[in-house]
């Protein structure tokens, strides 16, 4: 249910429901992730970093969580940590699969729109399932006015 509030950018309500989820599922790393996401959107970076560090501690091998933490580090001005996470993902991509969608998110946090769009193009070519969120994910809002992003949306054939 929190997703409705996340995608409709009602972050206070998303936080309220995410806190309940943490209480119900304190050992689930994604409980902390869903709490961290709206904190970022509200500019509460200290809280967001704290929640995502808990999530990563619970599942250190989950690259999606690590990528999201990289994005949050970037948003919080912790560029060195963000770049470290980015290198981890890129190195992983040389050996196995690196999720291009989540690499793009770190580049968005670093304000590197061109690189973010390049990685989203790779995610599109890979038929990455996260691309289904392209039209609604708040973390992609910084790209919405970019003509390359608009072209990608058009090619995804989302309804108007």
N, C-alpha and C. Protein backbone atom coordinates (compact mmCIF):
# COMPACT_ATOMS: atom_id res chain seq x y z
N UNK A 1 0.82 -1.19 0.00
CA UNK A 1 0.00 0.00 0.00
C UNK A 1 0.86 1.26 0.00
N UNK A 2 2.06 1.19 0.61
CA UNK A 2 2.93 2.36 0.65
C UNK A 2 3.30 2.82 -0.75
N UNK A 3 3.30 1.89 -1.72
CA UNK A 3 3.69 2.23 -3.09
C UNK A 3 2.80 3.33 -3.66
N UNK A 4 1.52 3.25 -3.37
CA UNK A 4 0.59 4.28 -3.85
C UNK A 4 1.07 5.66 -3.41
N UNK A 5 1.44 5.78 -2.16
CA UNK A 5 1.87 7.07 -1.63
C UNK A 5 3.24 7.47 -2.17
N UNK A 6 4.10 6.50 -2.38
CA UNK A 6 5.42 6.76 -2.96
C UNK A 6 5.28 7.31 -4.38
N UNK A 7 4.55 6.60 -5.22
CA UNK A 7 4.44 7.01 -6.62
C UNK A 7 3.60 8.28 -6.80
N UNK A 8 2.69 8.56 -5.86
CA UNK A 8 1.90 9.79 -5.95
C UNK A 8 2.58 10.94 -5.20
N UNK A 9 3.80 10.68 -4.73
CA UNK A 9 4.65 11.70 -4.09
C UNK A 9 4.04 12.25 -2.80
N UNK A 10 3.32 11.39 -2.11
CA UNK A 10 2.79 11.72 -0.78
C UNK A 10 3.73 11.10 0.25
N UNK A 11 4.87 11.74 0.41
CA UNK A 11 5.97 11.13 1.15
C UNK A 11 5.71 10.99 2.65
N UNK A 12 4.97 11.90 3.25
CA UNK A 12 4.69 11.77 4.68
C UNK A 12 3.87 10.50 4.95
N UNK A 13 2.88 10.25 4.13
CA UNK A 13 2.06 9.05 4.30
C UNK A 13 2.89 7.80 3.99
N UNK A 14 3.76 7.87 2.99
CA UNK A 14 4.64 6.73 2.68
C UNK A 14 5.54 6.43 3.87
N UNK A 15 6.06 7.45 4.51
CA UNK A 15 6.91 7.27 5.69
C UNK A 15 6.13 6.62 6.82
N UNK A 16 4.92 7.09 7.04
CA UNK A 16 4.08 6.52 8.10
C UNK A 16 3.87 5.02 7.89
N UNK A 17 3.52 4.63 6.67
CA UNK A 17 3.30 3.21 6.39
C UNK A 17 4.60 2.41 6.41
N UNK A 18 5.69 3.02 5.97
CA UNK A 18 6.97 2.32 5.98
C UNK A 18 7.44 2.07 7.41
N UNK A 19 7.19 3.01 8.30
CA UNK A 19 7.55 2.79 9.71
C UNK A 19 6.79 1.60 10.27
N UNK A 20 5.53 1.47 9.90
CA UNK A 20 4.74 0.32 10.35
C UNK A 20 5.33 -0.97 9.81
N UNK A 21 5.79 -0.92 8.57
CA UNK A 21 6.40 -2.11 7.97
C UNK A 21 7.66 -2.50 8.72
N UNK A 22 8.48 -1.53 9.09
CA UNK A 22 9.70 -1.82 9.85
C UNK A 22 9.34 -2.49 11.17
N UNK A 23 8.29 -2.01 11.83
CA UNK A 23 7.85 -2.61 13.09
C UNK A 23 7.41 -4.06 12.89
N UNK A 24 6.72 -4.33 11.77
CA UNK A 24 6.20 -5.67 11.51
C UNK A 24 7.27 -6.62 10.98
N UNK A 25 8.24 -6.08 10.22
CA UNK A 25 9.27 -6.91 9.59
C UNK A 25 10.67 -6.33 9.83
N UNK A 26 11.11 -6.33 11.08
CA UNK A 26 12.39 -5.68 11.39
C UNK A 26 13.62 -6.41 10.84
N UNK A 27 13.47 -7.63 10.39
CA UNK A 27 14.62 -8.34 9.83
C UNK A 27 14.62 -8.35 8.31
N UNK A 28 13.63 -7.71 7.71
CA UNK A 28 13.54 -7.62 6.25
C UNK A 28 14.26 -6.35 5.80
N UNK A 29 15.36 -6.49 5.04
CA UNK A 29 16.10 -5.29 4.63
C UNK A 29 15.27 -4.32 3.80
N UNK A 30 14.31 -4.83 3.05
CA UNK A 30 13.51 -3.94 2.22
C UNK A 30 12.53 -3.10 3.03
N UNK A 31 12.27 -3.49 4.27
CA UNK A 31 11.46 -2.64 5.15
C UNK A 31 12.18 -1.31 5.37
N UNK A 32 13.48 -1.38 5.57
CA UNK A 32 14.27 -0.16 5.79
C UNK A 32 14.42 0.64 4.50
N UNK A 33 14.47 -0.07 3.37
CA UNK A 33 14.58 0.61 2.07
C UNK A 33 13.34 1.45 1.81
N UNK A 34 12.16 0.87 2.03
CA UNK A 34 10.95 1.64 1.73
C UNK A 34 10.77 2.82 2.68
N UNK A 35 11.44 2.78 3.81
CA UNK A 35 11.45 3.94 4.70
C UNK A 35 12.48 4.97 4.22
N UNK A 36 13.58 4.49 3.71
CA UNK A 36 14.64 5.40 3.25
C UNK A 36 14.27 6.18 2.01
N UNK A 37 13.55 5.57 1.09
CA UNK A 37 13.22 6.25 -0.18
C UNK A 37 12.49 7.57 0.03
N UNK A 38 11.39 7.61 0.77
CA UNK A 38 10.71 8.90 0.93
C UNK A 38 11.53 9.90 1.76
N UNK A 39 12.38 9.41 2.65
CA UNK A 39 13.26 10.33 3.37
C UNK A 39 14.13 11.11 2.38
N UNK A 40 14.64 10.43 1.37
CA UNK A 40 15.46 11.11 0.36
C UNK A 40 14.64 12.19 -0.32
N UNK A 41 13.44 11.86 -0.74
CA UNK A 41 12.62 12.81 -1.47
C UNK A 41 12.28 14.04 -0.63
N UNK A 42 12.25 13.87 0.67
CA UNK A 42 11.97 14.99 1.56
C UNK A 42 13.25 15.73 1.96
N UNK A 43 14.40 15.26 1.49
CA UNK A 43 15.67 15.90 1.82
C UNK A 43 16.19 15.51 3.19
N UNK A 44 15.67 14.43 3.76
CA UNK A 44 16.10 13.95 5.08
C UNK A 44 17.21 12.91 4.87
N UNK A 45 18.35 13.40 4.43
CA UNK A 45 19.43 12.50 4.00
C UNK A 45 20.05 11.71 5.14
N UNK A 46 20.20 12.31 6.30
CA UNK A 46 20.77 11.58 7.44
C UNK A 46 19.91 10.38 7.76
N UNK A 47 18.61 10.58 7.80
CA UNK A 47 17.68 9.49 8.09
C UNK A 47 17.70 8.45 6.98
N UNK A 48 17.74 8.91 5.73
CA UNK A 48 17.75 7.98 4.60
C UNK A 48 19.01 7.12 4.60
N UNK A 49 20.16 7.74 4.83
CA UNK A 49 21.41 6.98 4.88
C UNK A 49 21.34 5.95 6.00
N UNK A 50 20.84 6.36 7.16
CA UNK A 50 20.74 5.44 8.30
C UNK A 50 19.87 4.23 7.96
N UNK A 51 18.72 4.46 7.34
CA UNK A 51 17.83 3.34 7.01
C UNK A 51 18.47 2.41 5.98
N UNK A 52 19.12 2.98 4.98
CA UNK A 52 19.72 2.14 3.96
C UNK A 52 20.97 1.42 4.45
N UNK A 53 21.70 2.02 5.36
CA UNK A 53 22.83 1.30 5.94
C UNK A 53 22.34 0.10 6.75
N UNK A 54 21.19 0.24 7.42
CA UNK A 54 20.59 -0.90 8.12
C UNK A 54 20.19 -1.98 7.11
N UNK A 55 19.58 -1.57 6.01
CA UNK A 55 19.16 -2.53 4.99
C UNK A 55 20.35 -3.29 4.43
N UNK A 56 21.41 -2.57 4.09
CA UNK A 56 22.59 -3.21 3.52
C UNK A 56 23.26 -4.12 4.56
N UNK A 57 23.25 -3.72 5.82
CA UNK A 57 23.82 -4.57 6.87
C UNK A 57 23.06 -5.89 6.97
N UNK A 58 21.75 -5.85 6.77
CA UNK A 58 20.94 -7.07 6.83
C UNK A 58 21.17 -7.98 5.62
N UNK A 59 21.49 -7.39 4.47
CA UNK A 59 21.73 -8.18 3.26
C UNK A 59 22.82 -7.51 2.42
N UNK A 60 24.09 -7.67 2.84
CA UNK A 60 25.18 -6.96 2.18
C UNK A 60 25.41 -7.35 0.72
N UNK A 61 24.91 -8.48 0.30
CA UNK A 61 25.13 -8.91 -1.09
C UNK A 61 24.04 -8.43 -2.05
N UNK A 62 22.97 -7.86 -1.53
CA UNK A 62 21.87 -7.39 -2.38
C UNK A 62 22.30 -6.11 -3.09
N UNK A 63 22.62 -6.24 -4.37
CA UNK A 63 23.16 -5.11 -5.12
C UNK A 63 22.14 -3.98 -5.31
N UNK A 64 20.89 -4.31 -5.37
CA UNK A 64 19.87 -3.26 -5.50
C UNK A 64 19.92 -2.32 -4.30
N UNK A 65 20.04 -2.89 -3.11
CA UNK A 65 20.13 -2.06 -1.91
C UNK A 65 21.41 -1.23 -1.92
N UNK A 66 22.50 -1.84 -2.35
CA UNK A 66 23.78 -1.13 -2.42
C UNK A 66 23.71 0.02 -3.43
N UNK A 67 23.05 -0.23 -4.54
CA UNK A 67 22.90 0.82 -5.56
C UNK A 67 22.04 1.96 -5.01
N UNK A 68 20.97 1.63 -4.34
CA UNK A 68 20.12 2.67 -3.76
C UNK A 68 20.89 3.47 -2.70
N UNK A 69 21.71 2.79 -1.91
CA UNK A 69 22.53 3.49 -0.93
C UNK A 69 23.51 4.42 -1.65
N UNK A 70 24.04 3.97 -2.78
CA UNK A 70 24.92 4.83 -3.58
C UNK A 70 24.19 6.08 -4.03
N UNK A 71 22.97 5.93 -4.47
CA UNK A 71 22.16 7.08 -4.89
C UNK A 71 21.96 8.03 -3.72
N UNK A 72 21.65 7.48 -2.55
CA UNK A 72 21.40 8.30 -1.38
C UNK A 72 22.68 9.02 -0.95
N UNK A 73 23.81 8.31 -0.99
CA UNK A 73 25.08 8.97 -0.69
C UNK A 73 25.28 10.18 -1.62
N UNK A 74 24.99 9.99 -2.90
CA UNK A 74 25.16 11.08 -3.86
C UNK A 74 24.26 12.25 -3.51
N UNK A 75 23.00 11.96 -3.21
CA UNK A 75 22.05 13.02 -2.87
C UNK A 75 22.47 13.75 -1.59
N UNK A 76 23.09 12.99 -0.67
CA UNK A 76 23.50 13.56 0.61
C UNK A 76 24.83 14.30 0.52
N UNK A 77 25.42 14.35 -0.67
CA UNK A 77 26.70 15.03 -0.83
C UNK A 77 27.90 14.17 -0.50
N UNK A 78 27.67 12.88 -0.27
CA UNK A 78 28.77 11.95 0.03
C UNK A 78 29.22 11.30 -1.27
N UNK A 79 29.82 12.13 -2.12
CA UNK A 79 30.16 11.71 -3.48
C UNK A 79 31.18 10.57 -3.50
N UNK A 80 32.14 10.57 -2.60
CA UNK A 80 33.16 9.51 -2.60
C UNK A 80 32.51 8.15 -2.34
N UNK A 81 31.60 8.11 -1.38
CA UNK A 81 30.90 6.84 -1.10
C UNK A 81 30.02 6.43 -2.27
N UNK A 82 29.37 7.41 -2.90
CA UNK A 82 28.53 7.12 -4.06
C UNK A 82 29.38 6.54 -5.19
N UNK A 83 30.52 7.14 -5.43
CA UNK A 83 31.40 6.64 -6.50
C UNK A 83 31.92 5.25 -6.18
N UNK A 84 32.14 4.96 -4.91
CA UNK A 84 32.58 3.62 -4.51
C UNK A 84 31.52 2.59 -4.86
N UNK A 85 30.27 2.90 -4.56
CA UNK A 85 29.17 2.00 -4.89
C UNK A 85 29.06 1.83 -6.40
N UNK A 86 29.24 2.92 -7.12
CA UNK A 86 29.18 2.88 -8.59
C UNK A 86 30.26 1.96 -9.14
N UNK A 87 31.47 2.08 -8.61
CA UNK A 87 32.58 1.20 -9.05
C UNK A 87 32.26 -0.26 -8.75
N UNK A 88 31.67 -0.52 -7.59
CA UNK A 88 31.28 -1.89 -7.24
C UNK A 88 30.33 -2.47 -8.29
N UNK A 89 29.32 -1.69 -8.64
CA UNK A 89 28.35 -2.16 -9.63
C UNK A 89 29.00 -2.36 -11.00
N UNK A 90 29.85 -1.42 -11.39
CA UNK A 90 30.52 -1.54 -12.69
C UNK A 90 31.46 -2.75 -12.71
N UNK A 91 32.17 -2.99 -11.61
CA UNK A 91 33.04 -4.17 -11.53
C UNK A 91 32.22 -5.45 -11.58
N UNK A 92 31.12 -5.45 -10.88
CA UNK A 92 30.24 -6.62 -10.91
C UNK A 92 29.76 -6.89 -12.33
N UNK A 93 29.49 -5.81 -13.06
CA UNK A 93 29.03 -5.94 -14.44
C UNK A 93 30.06 -6.58 -15.36
N UNK A 94 31.32 -6.50 -15.01
CA UNK A 94 32.38 -7.14 -15.81
C UNK A 94 32.40 -8.65 -15.59
N UNK A 95 31.90 -9.09 -14.43
CA UNK A 95 31.95 -10.51 -14.08
C UNK A 95 30.60 -11.20 -14.24
N UNK A 96 29.54 -10.46 -14.00
CA UNK A 96 28.20 -11.02 -14.12
C UNK A 96 27.25 -9.88 -14.52
N UNK A 97 26.05 -9.93 -14.03
CA UNK A 97 25.04 -8.93 -14.39
C UNK A 97 25.07 -7.77 -13.42
N UNK A 98 25.14 -6.55 -13.94
CA UNK A 98 24.96 -5.34 -13.14
C UNK A 98 23.67 -4.69 -13.61
N UNK A 99 22.82 -4.36 -12.69
CA UNK A 99 21.52 -3.79 -13.02
C UNK A 99 21.69 -2.36 -13.53
N UNK A 100 21.55 -2.18 -14.83
CA UNK A 100 21.78 -0.87 -15.46
C UNK A 100 20.81 0.18 -14.93
N UNK A 101 19.59 -0.21 -14.61
CA UNK A 101 18.62 0.75 -14.08
C UNK A 101 19.15 1.38 -12.80
N UNK A 102 19.68 0.56 -11.91
CA UNK A 102 20.15 1.07 -10.62
C UNK A 102 21.47 1.82 -10.75
N UNK A 103 22.29 1.45 -11.71
CA UNK A 103 23.49 2.25 -12.00
C UNK A 103 23.05 3.64 -12.43
N UNK A 104 22.02 3.72 -13.26
CA UNK A 104 21.50 5.01 -13.71
C UNK A 104 21.05 5.87 -12.52
N UNK A 105 20.45 5.24 -11.52
CA UNK A 105 19.98 6.00 -10.36
C UNK A 105 21.13 6.68 -9.63
N UNK A 106 22.27 6.00 -9.52
CA UNK A 106 23.42 6.63 -8.86
C UNK A 106 23.89 7.84 -9.68
N UNK A 107 23.93 7.68 -11.00
CA UNK A 107 24.33 8.81 -11.85
C UNK A 107 23.36 9.99 -11.71
N UNK A 108 22.08 9.70 -11.54
CA UNK A 108 21.12 10.78 -11.32
C UNK A 108 21.47 11.52 -10.04
N UNK A 109 21.75 10.76 -8.98
CA UNK A 109 22.12 11.38 -7.71
C UNK A 109 23.39 12.21 -7.81
N UNK A 110 24.31 11.80 -8.69
CA UNK A 110 25.55 12.54 -8.90
C UNK A 110 25.36 13.71 -9.87
N UNK A 111 24.14 13.89 -10.35
CA UNK A 111 23.78 14.95 -11.31
C UNK A 111 24.47 14.75 -12.65
N UNK A 112 24.66 13.50 -13.04
CA UNK A 112 25.28 13.15 -14.31
C UNK A 112 24.19 12.61 -15.23
N UNK A 113 23.38 13.53 -15.74
CA UNK A 113 22.20 13.14 -16.51
C UNK A 113 22.56 12.36 -17.77
N UNK A 114 23.60 12.77 -18.47
CA UNK A 114 23.99 12.06 -19.69
C UNK A 114 24.32 10.60 -19.42
N UNK A 115 25.10 10.36 -18.38
CA UNK A 115 25.45 8.98 -18.02
C UNK A 115 24.21 8.22 -17.55
N UNK A 116 23.35 8.90 -16.82
CA UNK A 116 22.12 8.24 -16.34
C UNK A 116 21.28 7.77 -17.53
N UNK A 117 21.12 8.62 -18.52
CA UNK A 117 20.33 8.25 -19.70
C UNK A 117 21.01 7.11 -20.45
N UNK A 118 22.33 7.14 -20.55
CA UNK A 118 23.06 6.04 -21.21
C UNK A 118 22.77 4.70 -20.52
N UNK A 119 22.79 4.71 -19.20
CA UNK A 119 22.52 3.47 -18.46
C UNK A 119 21.05 3.06 -18.60
N UNK A 120 20.15 4.03 -18.66
CA UNK A 120 18.74 3.68 -18.90
C UNK A 120 18.55 3.10 -20.29
N UNK A 121 19.31 3.59 -21.26
CA UNK A 121 19.27 3.01 -22.61
C UNK A 121 19.73 1.55 -22.56
N UNK A 122 20.76 1.29 -21.77
CA UNK A 122 21.24 -0.09 -21.61
C UNK A 122 20.16 -0.94 -20.93
N UNK A 123 19.52 -0.38 -19.91
CA UNK A 123 18.43 -1.10 -19.24
C UNK A 123 17.30 -1.40 -20.22
N UNK A 124 17.01 -0.45 -21.09
CA UNK A 124 15.98 -0.64 -22.12
C UNK A 124 16.38 -1.79 -23.05
N UNK A 125 17.63 -1.76 -23.50
CA UNK A 125 18.12 -2.82 -24.40
C UNK A 125 18.11 -4.18 -23.73
N UNK A 126 18.37 -4.20 -22.43
CA UNK A 126 18.38 -5.45 -21.65
C UNK A 126 16.97 -5.92 -21.28
N UNK A 127 15.97 -5.10 -21.61
CA UNK A 127 14.59 -5.37 -21.20
C UNK A 127 14.47 -5.52 -19.68
N UNK A 128 15.15 -4.62 -19.01
CA UNK A 128 15.18 -4.61 -17.55
C UNK A 128 13.77 -4.37 -17.01
N UNK A 129 13.30 -5.22 -16.11
CA UNK A 129 11.92 -5.07 -15.60
C UNK A 129 11.69 -3.77 -14.84
N UNK A 130 12.73 -3.16 -14.30
CA UNK A 130 12.56 -1.89 -13.59
C UNK A 130 12.16 -0.77 -14.52
N UNK A 131 12.36 -0.95 -15.82
CA UNK A 131 11.98 0.09 -16.78
C UNK A 131 10.47 0.32 -16.80
N UNK A 132 9.71 -0.62 -16.27
CA UNK A 132 8.26 -0.43 -16.22
C UNK A 132 7.88 0.74 -15.30
N UNK A 133 8.83 1.17 -14.47
CA UNK A 133 8.58 2.28 -13.54
C UNK A 133 9.01 3.63 -14.11
N UNK A 134 9.49 3.63 -15.33
CA UNK A 134 10.08 4.83 -15.91
C UNK A 134 9.16 6.05 -15.83
N UNK A 135 7.91 5.85 -16.04
CA UNK A 135 6.97 6.99 -16.08
C UNK A 135 6.60 7.50 -14.69
N UNK A 136 6.73 6.67 -13.66
CA UNK A 136 6.19 7.05 -12.36
C UNK A 136 7.20 7.17 -11.22
N UNK A 137 8.39 6.60 -11.37
CA UNK A 137 9.35 6.56 -10.26
C UNK A 137 9.85 7.97 -9.94
N UNK A 138 9.65 8.43 -8.70
CA UNK A 138 10.11 9.77 -8.32
C UNK A 138 11.62 9.97 -8.46
N UNK A 139 12.38 8.90 -8.33
CA UNK A 139 13.84 9.05 -8.43
C UNK A 139 14.28 9.42 -9.84
N UNK A 140 13.39 9.28 -10.81
CA UNK A 140 13.71 9.66 -12.18
C UNK A 140 13.26 11.08 -12.52
N UNK A 141 12.63 11.75 -11.59
CA UNK A 141 12.12 13.10 -11.84
C UNK A 141 13.18 14.07 -12.38
N UNK A 142 14.43 14.02 -11.93
CA UNK A 142 15.41 14.96 -12.47
C UNK A 142 15.66 14.82 -13.97
N UNK A 143 15.24 13.71 -14.56
CA UNK A 143 15.45 13.48 -15.99
C UNK A 143 14.24 13.83 -16.85
N UNK A 144 13.12 14.09 -16.25
CA UNK A 144 11.86 14.18 -16.99
C UNK A 144 11.88 15.24 -18.10
N UNK A 145 12.61 16.32 -17.93
CA UNK A 145 12.63 17.36 -18.96
C UNK A 145 13.68 17.09 -20.05
N UNK A 146 14.50 16.08 -19.88
CA UNK A 146 15.55 15.77 -20.85
C UNK A 146 14.94 15.14 -22.10
N UNK A 147 15.20 15.66 -23.28
CA UNK A 147 14.62 15.10 -24.51
C UNK A 147 14.98 13.62 -24.73
N UNK A 148 16.16 13.22 -24.30
CA UNK A 148 16.56 11.80 -24.45
C UNK A 148 15.70 10.91 -23.58
N UNK A 149 15.38 11.39 -22.40
CA UNK A 149 14.50 10.65 -21.50
C UNK A 149 13.09 10.59 -22.09
N UNK A 150 12.62 11.71 -22.62
CA UNK A 150 11.30 11.75 -23.24
C UNK A 150 11.21 10.78 -24.41
N UNK A 151 12.29 10.68 -25.18
CA UNK A 151 12.33 9.73 -26.29
C UNK A 151 12.25 8.29 -25.78
N UNK A 152 12.95 8.04 -24.70
CA UNK A 152 12.91 6.70 -24.10
C UNK A 152 11.49 6.38 -23.61
N UNK A 153 10.84 7.33 -22.98
CA UNK A 153 9.45 7.12 -22.56
C UNK A 153 8.55 6.80 -23.76
N UNK A 154 8.74 7.54 -24.84
CA UNK A 154 7.95 7.32 -26.05
C UNK A 154 8.16 5.89 -26.57
N UNK A 155 9.40 5.45 -26.59
CA UNK A 155 9.70 4.10 -27.09
C UNK A 155 9.16 3.01 -26.18
N UNK A 156 8.94 3.33 -24.91
CA UNK A 156 8.37 2.35 -23.99
C UNK A 156 6.86 2.18 -24.20
N UNK A 157 6.27 3.05 -24.99
CA UNK A 157 4.85 2.97 -25.33
C UNK A 157 3.92 3.04 -24.13
N UNK A 158 4.28 3.92 -23.18
CA UNK A 158 3.39 4.13 -22.04
C UNK A 158 2.14 4.88 -22.53
N UNK A 159 1.00 4.60 -21.94
CA UNK A 159 -0.20 5.38 -22.33
C UNK A 159 -0.03 6.82 -21.86
N UNK A 160 -0.69 7.75 -22.55
CA UNK A 160 -0.57 9.18 -22.17
C UNK A 160 -1.14 9.48 -20.81
